């Protein structure tokens, strides 16, 4: 019966336990730039289809895969 006492730990009383919350810091290069708006170079597929429709280069029934290259409007 003596071996069981080796595995029993007494926990500190709740009133004496201090919980400290710490947050990890973030490197300055990973933070967002704030209110700067930058033109994106890469469009999502649905944005490319909408742009091609707007330019009149999209026909009904065209395939969504293998779209032509499009540059974003400024």
C-alpha atoms as a PDB file:
ATOM      1  CA  UNK A   1       0.000   0.000   0.000  1.00  0.00           C
ATOM      2  CA  UNK A   2       2.950   2.314   0.373  1.00  0.00           C
ATOM      3  CA  UNK A   3       3.507   2.606  -3.389  1.00  0.00           C
ATOM      4  CA  UNK A   4       0.176   4.374  -3.934  1.00  0.00           C
ATOM      5  CA  UNK A   5       1.289   7.319  -1.897  1.00  0.00           C
ATOM      6  CA  UNK A   6       4.048   8.012  -4.422  1.00  0.00           C
ATOM      7  CA  UNK A   7       1.481   8.842  -7.109  1.00  0.00           C
ATOM      8  CA  UNK A   8      -0.851  10.967  -4.983  1.00  0.00           C
ATOM      9  CA  UNK A   9      -0.056  14.668  -5.200  1.00  0.00           C
ATOM     10  CA  UNK A  10      -1.569  17.288  -3.005  1.00  0.00           C
ATOM     11  CA  UNK A  11      -2.866  20.240  -4.959  1.00  0.00           C
ATOM     12  CA  UNK A  12      -2.550  23.787  -3.614  1.00  0.00           C
ATOM     13  CA  UNK A  13      -5.608  25.358  -2.089  1.00  0.00           C
ATOM     14  CA  UNK A  14      -7.691  27.364  -4.594  1.00  0.00           C
ATOM     15  CA  UNK A  15      -7.399  30.590  -2.640  1.00  0.00           C
ATOM     16  CA  UNK A  16      -3.590  30.486  -2.864  1.00  0.00           C
ATOM     17  CA  UNK A  17      -3.372  29.563  -6.550  1.00  0.00           C
ATOM     18  CA  UNK A  18      -2.493  32.450  -8.841  1.00  0.00           C
ATOM     19  CA  UNK A  19      -3.383  32.175 -12.504  1.00  0.00           C
ATOM     20  CA  UNK A  20      -1.405  34.408 -14.796  1.00  0.00           C
ATOM     21  CA  UNK A  21      -2.503  34.802 -18.399  1.00  0.00           C
ATOM     22  CA  UNK A  22       0.227  35.616 -20.865  1.00  0.00           C
ATOM     23  CA  UNK A  23      -0.103  36.276 -24.554  1.00  0.00           C
ATOM     24  CA  UNK A  24       2.535  35.660 -27.164  1.00  0.00           C
ATOM     25  CA  UNK A  25       3.888  38.714 -28.890  1.00  0.00           C
ATOM     26  CA  UNK A  26       3.624  39.168 -32.645  1.00  0.00           C
ATOM     27  CA  UNK A  27       6.545  40.119 -34.853  1.00  0.00           C
ATOM     28  CA  UNK A  28       6.085  43.638 -36.330  1.00  0.00           C
ATOM     29  CA  UNK A  29       6.410  42.350 -39.902  1.00  0.00           C
ATOM     30  CA  UNK A  30       3.338  40.124 -39.433  1.00  0.00           C
ATOM     31  CA  UNK A  31       1.027  42.875 -38.243  1.00  0.00           C
ATOM     32  CA  UNK A  32      -1.465  44.365 -40.662  1.00  0.00           C
ATOM     33  CA  UNK A  33      -0.569  47.669 -42.232  1.00  0.00           C
ATOM     34  CA  UNK A  34      -3.662  49.418 -40.954  1.00  0.00           C
ATOM     35  CA  UNK A  35      -5.757  51.322 -43.460  1.00  0.00           C
ATOM     36  CA  UNK A  36      -3.528  50.848 -46.488  1.00  0.00           C
ATOM     37  CA  UNK A  37      -5.346  49.448 -49.500  1.00  0.00           C
ATOM     38  CA  UNK A  38      -3.153  47.612 -51.957  1.00  0.00           C
ATOM     39  CA  UNK A  39      -4.185  46.366 -55.388  1.00  0.00           C
ATOM     40  CA  UNK A  40      -4.252  42.584 -55.431  1.00  0.00           C
ATOM     41  CA  UNK A  41      -2.391  40.864 -58.240  1.00  0.00           C
ATOM     42  CA  UNK A  42      -4.214  37.546 -58.056  1.00  0.00           C
ATOM     43  CA  UNK A  43      -7.968  37.242 -58.490  1.00  0.00           C
ATOM     44  CA  UNK A  44     -10.151  34.378 -57.344  1.00  0.00           C
ATOM     45  CA  UNK A  45     -11.873  32.307 -60.006  1.00  0.00           C
ATOM     46  CA  UNK A  46     -15.319  33.868 -59.513  1.00  0.00           C
ATOM     47  CA  UNK A  47     -13.747  37.340 -59.689  1.00  0.00           C
ATOM     48  CA  UNK A  48     -12.034  36.454 -62.969  1.00  0.00           C
ATOM     49  CA  UNK A  49     -15.294  35.156 -64.446  1.00  0.00           C
ATOM     50  CA  UNK A  50     -17.102  38.344 -63.379  1.00  0.00           C
ATOM     51  CA  UNK A  51     -14.340  40.465 -64.924  1.00  0.00           C
ATOM     52  CA  UNK A  52     -14.470  38.512 -68.196  1.00  0.00           C
ATOM     53  CA  UNK A  53     -18.269  38.899 -68.306  1.00  0.00           C
ATOM     54  CA  UNK A  54     -17.896  42.635 -67.743  1.00  0.00           C
ATOM     55  CA  UNK A  55     -15.371  42.875 -70.601  1.00  0.00           C
ATOM     56  CA  UNK A  56     -17.539  40.733 -72.878  1.00  0.00           C
ATOM     57  CA  UNK A  57     -14.937  37.961 -73.158  1.00  0.00           C
ATOM     58  CA  UNK A  58     -17.071  35.316 -71.439  1.00  0.00           C
ATOM     59  CA  UNK A  59     -19.608  33.252 -73.365  1.00  0.00           C
ATOM     60  CA  UNK A  60     -22.346  31.169 -71.789  1.00  0.00           C
ATOM     61  CA  UNK A  61     -21.179  27.571 -71.591  1.00  0.00           C
ATOM     62  CA  UNK A  62     -17.451  28.365 -71.339  1.00  0.00           C
ATOM     63  CA  UNK A  63     -15.409  26.193 -69.004  1.00  0.00           C
ATOM     64  CA  UNK A  64     -14.461  27.543 -65.606  1.00  0.00           C
ATOM     65  CA  UNK A  65     -11.165  25.658 -65.598  1.00  0.00           C
ATOM     66  CA  UNK A  66      -8.407  26.947 -67.820  1.00  0.00           C
ATOM     67  CA  UNK A  67      -9.476  30.585 -67.765  1.00  0.00           C
ATOM     68  CA  UNK A  68      -7.425  33.113 -69.670  1.00  0.00           C
ATOM     69  CA  UNK A  69      -5.134  35.402 -67.738  1.00  0.00           C
ATOM     70  CA  UNK A  70      -6.773  38.587 -66.555  1.00  0.00           C
ATOM     71  CA  UNK A  71      -5.341  41.687 -64.946  1.00  0.00           C
ATOM     72  CA  UNK A  72      -7.280  43.294 -62.139  1.00  0.00           C
ATOM     73  CA  UNK A  73      -8.921  46.647 -62.823  1.00  0.00           C
ATOM     74  CA  UNK A  74      -7.182  49.577 -61.222  1.00  0.00           C
END
